Amino acid sequence: MKVLLALALLPAPALADPPAIDAVRATQTAQGWRFDVTLSHPDTGWEHYADGWRVLDPEGR
């Protein structure tokens, strides 16, 4: 019983809906490319924020 209680008190991963990409603007600069992205997401709180990006071409590279 104590083991079950201990497992129940462990933090669980945050389950959230995926974000929606509302707008993207790509601009070529002298230093490379700049991407301005607007996201929306129905969830709130510090556990639900974008902390990384992956920019892929149409072939997934």
C-alpha atoms as a PDB file:
ATOM      1  CA  MET A   1       0.000   0.000   0.000  1.00  0.00           C
ATOM      2  CA  LYS A   2       2.838   2.423   0.850  1.00  0.00           C
ATOM      3  CA  VAL A   3       4.431   1.776  -2.561  1.00  0.00           C
ATOM      4  CA  LEU A   4       1.185   2.660  -4.355  1.00  0.00           C
ATOM      5  CA  LEU A   5       0.858   5.856  -2.339  1.00  0.00           C
ATOM      6  CA  ALA A   6       4.466   6.808  -3.129  1.00  0.00           C
ATOM      7  CA  LEU A   7       3.913   6.175  -6.851  1.00  0.00           C
ATOM      8  CA  ALA A   8       0.722   8.239  -6.819  1.00  0.00           C
ATOM      9  CA  LEU A   9       2.620  11.222  -5.386  1.00  0.00           C
ATOM     10  CA  LEU A  10       5.337  11.216  -8.075  1.00  0.00           C
ATOM     11  CA  PRO A  11       5.064  14.062 -10.577  1.00  0.00           C
ATOM     12  CA  ALA A  12       3.465  12.995 -13.844  1.00  0.00           C
ATOM     13  CA  PRO A  13       4.456  14.324 -17.266  1.00  0.00           C
ATOM     14  CA  ALA A  14       2.290  17.178 -18.489  1.00  0.00           C
ATOM     15  CA  LEU A  15      -0.192  16.022 -21.096  1.00  0.00           C
ATOM     16  CA  ALA A  16      -1.242  18.802 -23.406  1.00  0.00           C
ATOM     17  CA  ASP A  17      -2.758  19.443 -26.783  1.00  0.00           C
ATOM     18  CA  PRO A  18      -0.221  20.213 -29.527  1.00  0.00           C
ATOM     19  CA  PRO A  19       0.268  23.886 -30.425  1.00  0.00           C
ATOM     20  CA  ALA A  20      -1.245  25.369 -33.579  1.00  0.00           C
ATOM     21  CA  ILE A  21       1.092  27.207 -35.962  1.00  0.00           C
ATOM     22  CA  ASP A  22      -0.823  30.386 -36.796  1.00  0.00           C
ATOM     23  CA  ALA A  23       1.770  32.242 -38.879  1.00  0.00           C
ATOM     24  CA  VAL A  24       5.330  31.831 -40.154  1.00  0.00           C
ATOM     25  CA  ARG A  25       7.530  34.372 -41.884  1.00  0.00           C
ATOM     26  CA  ALA A  26      10.972  33.416 -43.254  1.00  0.00           C
ATOM     27  CA  THR A  27      13.367  36.231 -44.100  1.00  0.00           C
ATOM     28  CA  GLN A  28      16.820  35.807 -45.622  1.00  0.00           C
ATOM     29  CA  THR A  29      19.451  38.028 -43.988  1.00  0.00           C
ATOM     30  CA  ALA A  30      23.177  38.502 -44.478  1.00  0.00           C
ATOM     31  CA  GLN A  31      23.781  36.117 -41.540  1.00  0.00           C
ATOM     32  CA  GLY A  32      21.381  33.370 -42.740  1.00  0.00           C
ATOM     33  CA  TRP A  33      17.652  32.947 -42.253  1.00  0.00           C
ATOM     34  CA  ARG A  34      15.305  34.407 -39.647  1.00  0.00           C
ATOM     35  CA  PHE A  35      12.009  32.679 -38.791  1.00  0.00           C
ATOM     36  CA  ASP A  36       9.204  34.544 -37.032  1.00  0.00           C
ATOM     37  CA  VAL A  37       6.575  32.103 -35.769  1.00  0.00           C
ATOM     38  CA  THR A  38       3.247  32.716 -34.026  1.00  0.00           C
ATOM     39  CA  LEU A  39       1.808  29.806 -32.031  1.00  0.00           C
ATOM     40  CA  SER A  40      -1.434  29.393 -30.148  1.00  0.00           C
ATOM     41  CA  HIS A  41      -2.186  26.816 -27.511  1.00  0.00           C
ATOM     42  CA  PRO A  42      -5.308  26.273 -25.401  1.00  0.00           C
ATOM     43  CA  ASP A  43      -3.395  25.213 -22.275  1.00  0.00           C
ATOM     44  CA  THR A  44      -1.839  27.654 -19.832  1.00  0.00           C
ATOM     45  CA  GLY A  45       0.908  27.623 -17.225  1.00  0.00           C
ATOM     46  CA  TRP A  46       4.679  27.279 -17.111  1.00  0.00           C
ATOM     47  CA  GLU A  47       4.524  23.597 -18.077  1.00  0.00           C
ATOM     48  CA  HIS A  48       3.141  24.534 -21.494  1.00  0.00           C
ATOM     49  CA  TYR A  49       5.635  26.614 -23.442  1.00  0.00           C
ATOM     50  CA  ALA A  50       7.724  26.118 -26.560  1.00  0.00           C
ATOM     51  CA  ASP A  51      11.369  25.719 -25.620  1.00  0.00           C
ATOM     52  CA  GLY A  52      12.792  24.425 -28.885  1.00  0.00           C
ATOM     53  CA  TRP A  53      12.371  24.603 -32.626  1.00  0.00           C
ATOM     54  CA  ARG A  54      12.987  22.366 -35.558  1.00  0.00           C
ATOM     55  CA  VAL A  55      12.942  23.917 -39.039  1.00  0.00           C
ATOM     56  CA  LEU A  56      12.566  21.319 -41.801  1.00  0.00           C
ATOM     57  CA  ASP A  57      12.398  21.534 -45.573  1.00  0.00           C
ATOM     58  CA  PRO A  58       9.577  19.777 -47.482  1.00  0.00           C
ATOM     59  CA  GLU A  59      11.679  16.573 -47.574  1.00  0.00           C
ATOM     60  CA  GLY A  60      12.056  16.573 -43.782  1.00  0.00           C
ATOM     61  CA  ARG A  61      15.730  17.614 -43.712  1.00  0.00           C
END
